[in-house]
PDB file of N, CA and C in Angstrom:
ATOM      1  N   MET A   1     -46.082   5.116  -7.886  1.00  0.00           N
ATOM      2  CA  MET A   1     -44.884   5.806  -8.308  1.00  0.00           C
ATOM      3  C   MET A   1     -43.789   5.611  -7.255  1.00  0.00           C
ATOM      4  N   LYS A   2     -42.604   5.215  -7.721  1.00  0.00           N
ATOM      5  CA  LYS A   2     -41.489   4.970  -6.839  1.00  0.00           C
ATOM      6  C   LYS A   2     -40.832   6.297  -6.466  1.00  0.00           C
ATOM      7  N   GLN A   3     -40.622   6.484  -5.162  1.00  0.00           N
ATOM      8  CA  GLN A   3     -40.011   7.720  -4.700  1.00  0.00           C
ATOM      9  C   GLN A   3     -38.497   7.650  -4.865  1.00  0.00           C
ATOM     10  N   ARG A   4     -37.911   8.691  -5.455  1.00  0.00           N
ATOM     11  CA  ARG A   4     -36.477   8.736  -5.680  1.00  0.00           C
ATOM     12  C   ARG A   4     -35.785   9.305  -4.450  1.00  0.00           C
ATOM     13  N   LYS A   5     -34.626   8.733  -4.131  1.00  0.00           N
ATOM     14  CA  LYS A   5     -33.868   9.224  -2.983  1.00  0.00           C
ATOM     15  C   LYS A   5     -33.031  10.423  -3.409  1.00  0.00           C
ATOM     16  N   TYR A   6     -32.842  11.321  -2.473  1.00  0.00           N
ATOM     17  CA  TYR A   6     -32.140  12.565  -2.738  1.00  0.00           C
ATOM     18  C   TYR A   6     -31.167  12.813  -1.595  1.00  0.00           C
ATOM     19  N   ASP A   7     -29.971  13.285  -1.917  1.00  0.00           N
ATOM     20  CA  ASP A   7     -29.037  13.678  -0.862  1.00  0.00           C
ATOM     21  C   ASP A   7     -28.494  15.069  -1.169  1.00  0.00           C
ATOM     22  N   LEU A   8     -27.437  15.461  -0.501  1.00  0.00           N
ATOM     23  CA  LEU A   8     -26.860  16.798  -0.634  1.00  0.00           C
ATOM     24  C   LEU A   8     -26.448  17.114  -2.072  1.00  0.00           C
ATOM     25  N   TYR A   9     -26.065  16.082  -2.848  1.00  0.00           N
ATOM     26  CA  TYR A   9     -25.549  16.294  -4.194  1.00  0.00           C
ATOM     27  C   TYR A   9     -26.588  16.078  -5.293  1.00  0.00           C
ATOM     28  N   GLY A  10     -27.766  15.655  -4.945  1.00  0.00           N
ATOM     29  CA  GLY A  10     -28.804  15.441  -5.947  1.00  0.00           C
ATOM     30  C   GLY A  10     -29.465  14.090  -5.775  1.00  0.00           C
ATOM     31  N   TYR A  11     -30.177  13.664  -6.807  1.00  0.00           N
ATOM     32  CA  TYR A  11     -30.878  12.387  -6.747  1.00  0.00           C
ATOM     33  C   TYR A  11     -29.894  11.223  -6.805  1.00  0.00           C
ATOM     34  N   ILE A  12     -30.235  10.158  -6.105  1.00  0.00           N
ATOM     35  CA  ILE A  12     -29.389   8.971  -6.024  1.00  0.00           C
ATOM     36  C   ILE A  12     -29.992   7.873  -6.882  1.00  0.00           C
ATOM     37  N   GLU A  13     -29.164   7.304  -7.729  1.00  0.00           N
ATOM     38  CA  GLU A  13     -29.602   6.159  -8.529  1.00  0.00           C
ATOM     39  C   GLU A  13     -28.638   5.009  -8.229  1.00  0.00           C
ATOM     40  N   ARG A  14     -29.156   3.925  -7.679  1.00  0.00           N
ATOM     41  CA  ARG A  14     -28.319   2.774  -7.340  1.00  0.00           C
ATOM     42  C   ARG A  14     -28.388   1.744  -8.453  1.00  0.00           C
ATOM     43  N   LEU A  15     -27.196   1.366  -8.938  1.00  0.00           N
ATOM     44  CA  LEU A  15     -27.098   0.370  -9.989  1.00  0.00           C
ATOM     45  C   LEU A  15     -26.305  -0.819  -9.451  1.00  0.00           C
ATOM     46  N   PRO A  16     -26.716  -2.035  -9.764  1.00  0.00           N
ATOM     47  CA  PRO A  16     -25.960  -3.200  -9.277  1.00  0.00           C
ATOM     48  C   PRO A  16     -24.592  -3.275  -9.947  1.00  0.00           C
ATOM     49  N   LEU A  17     -23.601  -3.717  -9.161  1.00  0.00           N
ATOM     50  CA  LEU A  17     -22.263  -3.902  -9.708  1.00  0.00           C
ATOM     51  C   LEU A  17     -22.228  -5.211 -10.490  1.00  0.00           C
ATOM     52  N   ARG A  18     -21.583  -5.187 -11.636  1.00  0.00           N
ATOM     53  CA  ARG A  18     -21.475  -6.387 -12.454  1.00  0.00           C
ATOM     54  C   ARG A  18     -20.054  -6.511 -12.991  1.00  0.00           C
ATOM     55  N   GLY A  19     -19.668  -7.722 -13.294  1.00  0.00           N
ATOM     56  CA  GLY A  19     -18.394  -7.984 -13.964  1.00  0.00           C
ATOM     57  C   GLY A  19     -17.177  -7.557 -13.178  1.00  0.00           C
ATOM     58  N   VAL A  20     -16.285  -6.871 -13.878  1.00  0.00           N
ATOM     59  CA  VAL A  20     -15.001  -6.470 -13.300  1.00  0.00           C
ATOM     60  C   VAL A  20     -15.202  -5.518 -12.122  1.00  0.00           C
ATOM     61  N   ARG A  21     -16.134  -4.610 -12.227  1.00  0.00           N
ATOM     62  CA  ARG A  21     -16.377  -3.659 -11.132  1.00  0.00           C
ATOM     63  C   ARG A  21     -16.777  -4.388  -9.852  1.00  0.00           C
ATOM     64  N   ARG A  22     -17.559  -5.448  -9.994  1.00  0.00           N
ATOM     65  CA  ARG A  22     -17.972  -6.230  -8.834  1.00  0.00           C
ATOM     66  C   ARG A  22     -16.764  -6.934  -8.215  1.00  0.00           C
ATOM     67  N   SER A  23     -15.898  -7.500  -9.044  1.00  0.00           N
ATOM     68  CA  SER A  23     -14.701  -8.173  -8.551  1.00  0.00           C
ATOM     69  C   SER A  23     -13.779  -7.192  -7.836  1.00  0.00           C
ATOM     70  N   ILE A  24     -13.621  -6.015  -8.406  1.00  0.00           N
ATOM     71  CA  ILE A  24     -12.777  -4.986  -7.790  1.00  0.00           C
ATOM     72  C   ILE A  24     -13.358  -4.576  -6.442  1.00  0.00           C
ATOM     73  N   ALA A  25     -14.661  -4.370  -6.390  1.00  0.00           N
ATOM     74  CA  ALA A  25     -15.307  -3.962  -5.144  1.00  0.00           C
ATOM     75  C   ALA A  25     -15.123  -5.020  -4.064  1.00  0.00           C
ATOM     76  N   LYS A  26     -15.274  -6.290  -4.415  1.00  0.00           N
ATOM     77  CA  LYS A  26     -15.086  -7.365  -3.436  1.00  0.00           C
ATOM     78  C   LYS A  26     -13.656  -7.379  -2.914  1.00  0.00           C
ATOM     79  N   ALA A  27     -12.672  -7.205  -3.806  1.00  0.00           N
ATOM     80  CA  ALA A  27     -11.267  -7.205  -3.403  1.00  0.00           C
ATOM     81  C   ALA A  27     -10.963  -6.019  -2.487  1.00  0.00           C
ATOM     82  N   MET A  28     -11.549  -4.870  -2.773  1.00  0.00           N
ATOM     83  CA  MET A  28     -11.316  -3.686  -1.944  1.00  0.00           C
ATOM     84  C   MET A  28     -11.902  -3.871  -0.550  1.00  0.00           C
ATOM     85  N   VAL A  29     -13.086  -4.440  -0.475  1.00  0.00           N
ATOM     86  CA  VAL A  29     -13.703  -4.692   0.829  1.00  0.00           C
ATOM     87  C   VAL A  29     -12.861  -5.689   1.610  1.00  0.00           C
ATOM     88  N   LYS A  30     -12.402  -6.748   0.944  1.00  0.00           N
ATOM     89  CA  LYS A  30     -11.577  -7.751   1.619  1.00  0.00           C
ATOM     90  C   LYS A  30     -10.305  -7.122   2.165  1.00  0.00           C
ATOM     91  N   SER A  31      -9.635  -6.283   1.372  1.00  0.00           N
ATOM     92  CA  SER A  31      -8.388  -5.677   1.832  1.00  0.00           C
ATOM     93  C   SER A  31      -8.640  -4.713   2.992  1.00  0.00           C
ATOM     94  N   LYS A  32      -9.776  -4.055   2.992  1.00  0.00           N
ATOM     95  CA  LYS A  32     -10.116  -3.133   4.083  1.00  0.00           C
ATOM     96  C   LYS A  32     -10.169  -3.864   5.417  1.00  0.00           C
ATOM     97  N   TYR A  33     -10.691  -5.082   5.394  1.00  0.00           N
ATOM     98  CA  TYR A  33     -10.877  -5.815   6.637  1.00  0.00           C
ATOM     99  C   TYR A  33      -9.764  -6.808   6.950  1.00  0.00           C
ATOM    100  N   THR A  34      -8.831  -7.052   6.025  1.00  0.00           N
ATOM    101  CA  THR A  34      -7.769  -8.014   6.295  1.00  0.00           C
ATOM    102  C   THR A  34      -6.384  -7.387   6.372  1.00  0.00           C
ATOM    103  N   ALA A  35      -6.178  -6.239   5.768  1.00  0.00           N
ATOM    104  CA  ALA A  35      -4.865  -5.583   5.797  1.00  0.00           C
ATOM    105  C   ALA A  35      -4.688  -4.856   7.125  1.00  0.00           C
ATOM    106  N   PRO A  36      -3.506  -4.939   7.724  1.00  0.00           N
ATOM    107  CA  PRO A  36      -3.280  -4.215   8.977  1.00  0.00           C
ATOM    108  C   PRO A  36      -3.245  -2.711   8.710  1.00  0.00           C
ATOM    109  N   HIS A  37      -3.978  -1.974   9.496  1.00  0.00           N
ATOM    110  CA  HIS A  37      -4.038  -0.524   9.329  1.00  0.00           C
ATOM    111  C   HIS A  37      -3.252   0.122  10.472  1.00  0.00           C
ATOM    112  N   VAL A  38      -1.935  -0.036  10.374  1.00  0.00           N
ATOM    113  CA  VAL A  38      -1.070   0.489  11.417  1.00  0.00           C
ATOM    114  C   VAL A  38       0.275   0.833  10.790  1.00  0.00           C
ATOM    115  N   THR A  39       0.927   1.819  11.322  1.00  0.00           N
ATOM    116  CA  THR A  39       2.251   2.201  10.853  1.00  0.00           C
ATOM    117  C   THR A  39       3.168   2.318  12.056  1.00  0.00           C
ATOM    118  N   THR A  40       4.369   1.835  11.909  1.00  0.00           N
ATOM    119  CA  THR A  40       5.348   1.968  12.978  1.00  0.00           C
ATOM    120  C   THR A  40       6.654   2.491  12.404  1.00  0.00           C
ATOM    121  N   THR A  41       7.361   3.254  13.187  1.00  0.00           N
ATOM    122  CA  THR A  41       8.634   3.823  12.750  1.00  0.00           C
ATOM    123  C   THR A  41       9.664   3.607  13.851  1.00  0.00           C
ATOM    124  N   ASP A  42      10.821   3.119  13.456  1.00  0.00           N
ATOM    125  CA  ASP A  42      11.917   2.916  14.402  1.00  0.00           C
ATOM    126  C   ASP A  42      13.125   3.718  13.944  1.00  0.00           C
ATOM    127  N   GLU A  43      13.892   4.190  14.892  1.00  0.00           N
ATOM    128  CA  GLU A  43      15.134   4.879  14.573  1.00  0.00           C
ATOM    129  C   GLU A  43      16.287   3.995  15.025  1.00  0.00           C
ATOM    130  N   VAL A  44      17.290   3.864  14.165  1.00  0.00           N
ATOM    131  CA  VAL A  44      18.413   2.985  14.447  1.00  0.00           C
ATOM    132  C   VAL A  44      19.713   3.704  14.103  1.00  0.00           C
ATOM    133  N   ASP A  45      20.713   3.531  14.964  1.00  0.00           N
ATOM    134  CA  ASP A  45      22.033   4.068  14.685  1.00  0.00           C
ATOM    135  C   ASP A  45      22.814   3.006  13.915  1.00  0.00           C
ATOM    136  N   ILE A  46      23.092   3.262  12.624  1.00  0.00           N
ATOM    137  CA  ILE A  46      23.763   2.275  11.779  1.00  0.00           C
ATOM    138  C   ILE A  46      25.209   2.683  11.467  1.00  0.00           C
ATOM    139  N   THR A  47      25.785   3.498  12.331  1.00  0.00           N
ATOM    140  CA  THR A  47      27.143   3.984  12.102  1.00  0.00           C
ATOM    141  C   THR A  47      28.125   2.828  11.916  1.00  0.00           C
ATOM    142  N   GLU A  48      28.085   1.846  12.819  1.00  0.00           N
ATOM    143  CA  GLU A  48      29.008   0.711  12.729  1.00  0.00           C
ATOM    144  C   GLU A  48      28.716  -0.122  11.478  1.00  0.00           C
ATOM    145  N   LEU A  49      27.464  -0.327  11.188  1.00  0.00           N
ATOM    146  CA  LEU A  49      27.090  -1.087   9.991  1.00  0.00           C
ATOM    147  C   LEU A  49      27.605  -0.383   8.739  1.00  0.00           C
ATOM    148  N   TRP A  50      27.491   0.932   8.685  1.00  0.00           N
ATOM    149  CA  TRP A  50      27.960   1.710   7.540  1.00  0.00           C
ATOM    150  C   TRP A  50      29.477   1.562   7.368  1.00  0.00           C
ATOM    151  N   GLN A  51      30.195   1.569   8.490  1.00  0.00           N
ATOM    152  CA  GLN A  51      31.654   1.412   8.435  1.00  0.00           C
ATOM    153  C   GLN A  51      32.025   0.029   7.899  1.00  0.00           C
ATOM    154  N   ILE A  52      31.320  -1.003   8.340  1.00  0.00           N
ATOM    155  CA  ILE A  52      31.567  -2.361   7.849  1.00  0.00           C
ATOM    156  C   ILE A  52      31.282  -2.428   6.349  1.00  0.00           C
ATOM    157  N   ARG A  53      30.226  -1.789   5.933  1.00  0.00           N
ATOM    158  CA  ARG A  53      29.855  -1.772   4.503  1.00  0.00           C
ATOM    159  C   ARG A  53      30.947  -1.098   3.678  1.00  0.00           C
ATOM    160  N   GLU A  54      31.457   0.024   4.157  1.00  0.00           N
ATOM    161  CA  GLU A  54      32.514   0.731   3.431  1.00  0.00           C
ATOM    162  C   GLU A  54      33.773  -0.122   3.309  1.00  0.00           C
ATOM    163  N   LYS A  55      34.138  -0.832   4.378  1.00  0.00           N
ATOM    164  CA  LYS A  55      35.305  -1.725   4.328  1.00  0.00           C
ATOM    165  C   LYS A  55      35.073  -2.829   3.301  1.00  0.00           C
ATOM    166  N   GLY A  56      33.867  -3.373   3.284  1.00  0.00           N
ATOM    167  CA  GLY A  56      33.528  -4.426   2.328  1.00  0.00           C
ATOM    168  C   GLY A  56      33.578  -3.928   0.899  1.00  0.00           C
ATOM    169  N   LYS A  57      33.136  -2.703   0.667  1.00  0.00           N
ATOM    170  CA  LYS A  57      33.192  -2.120  -0.680  1.00  0.00           C
ATOM    171  C   LYS A  57      34.633  -1.963  -1.143  1.00  0.00           C
ATOM    172  N   LYS A  58      35.511  -1.498  -0.237  1.00  0.00           N
ATOM    173  CA  LYS A  58      36.922  -1.324  -0.587  1.00  0.00           C
ATOM    174  C   LYS A  58      37.576  -2.675  -0.890  1.00  0.00           C
ATOM    175  N   ALA A  59      37.236  -3.685  -0.100  1.00  0.00           N
ATOM    176  CA  ALA A  59      37.789  -5.029  -0.321  1.00  0.00           C
ATOM    177  C   ALA A  59      37.301  -5.581  -1.665  1.00  0.00           C
ATOM    178  N   ALA A  60      36.060  -5.337  -2.002  1.00  0.00           N
ATOM    179  CA  ALA A  60      35.519  -5.820  -3.278  1.00  0.00           C
ATOM    180  C   ALA A  60      36.193  -5.106  -4.447  1.00  0.00           C
ATOM    181  N   GLU A  61      36.415  -3.806  -4.320  1.00  0.00           N
ATOM    182  CA  GLU A  61      37.095  -3.066  -5.380  1.00  0.00           C
ATOM    183  C   GLU A  61      38.517  -3.574  -5.570  1.00  0.00           C
ATOM    184  N   ALA A  62      39.196  -3.908  -4.464  1.00  0.00           N
ATOM    185  CA  ALA A  62      40.566  -4.417  -4.555  1.00  0.00           C
ATOM    186  C   ALA A  62      40.613  -5.751  -5.293  1.00  0.00           C
ATOM    187  N   GLN A  63      39.522  -6.511  -5.231  1.00  0.00           N
ATOM    188  CA  GLN A  63      39.446  -7.803  -5.914  1.00  0.00           C
ATOM    189  C   GLN A  63      38.865  -7.660  -7.321  1.00  0.00           C
ATOM    190  N   GLY A  64      38.543  -6.455  -7.726  1.00  0.00           N
ATOM    191  CA  GLY A  64      37.998  -6.213  -9.055  1.00  0.00           C
ATOM    192  C   GLY A  64      36.486  -6.422  -9.142  1.00  0.00           C
ATOM    193  N   LEU A  65      35.800  -6.471  -8.010  1.00  0.00           N
ATOM    194  CA  LEU A  65      34.338  -6.601  -7.994  1.00  0.00           C
ATOM    195  C   LEU A  65      33.723  -5.233  -7.766  1.00  0.00           C
ATOM    196  N   ASN A  66      32.669  -4.969  -8.483  1.00  0.00           N
ATOM    197  CA  ASN A  66      32.003  -3.668  -8.301  1.00  0.00           C
ATOM    198  C   ASN A  66      30.625  -3.850  -7.762  1.00  0.00           C
TER     199      ASN A  66
END
């Protein structure tokens, strides 16, 4: 008689992955190990850039461009 495995939530039944589920699982594992797991944040003062943008918008409106 084969002994069934049991954990905190009950008996465990392992089924092989097939078809689309197998492809999805492979892609998820690949992304886990190839995607960078880091986040960076920078703060930038864009006051001058914003002023240039506003001037450009006014010039475009004067030429009939929106």
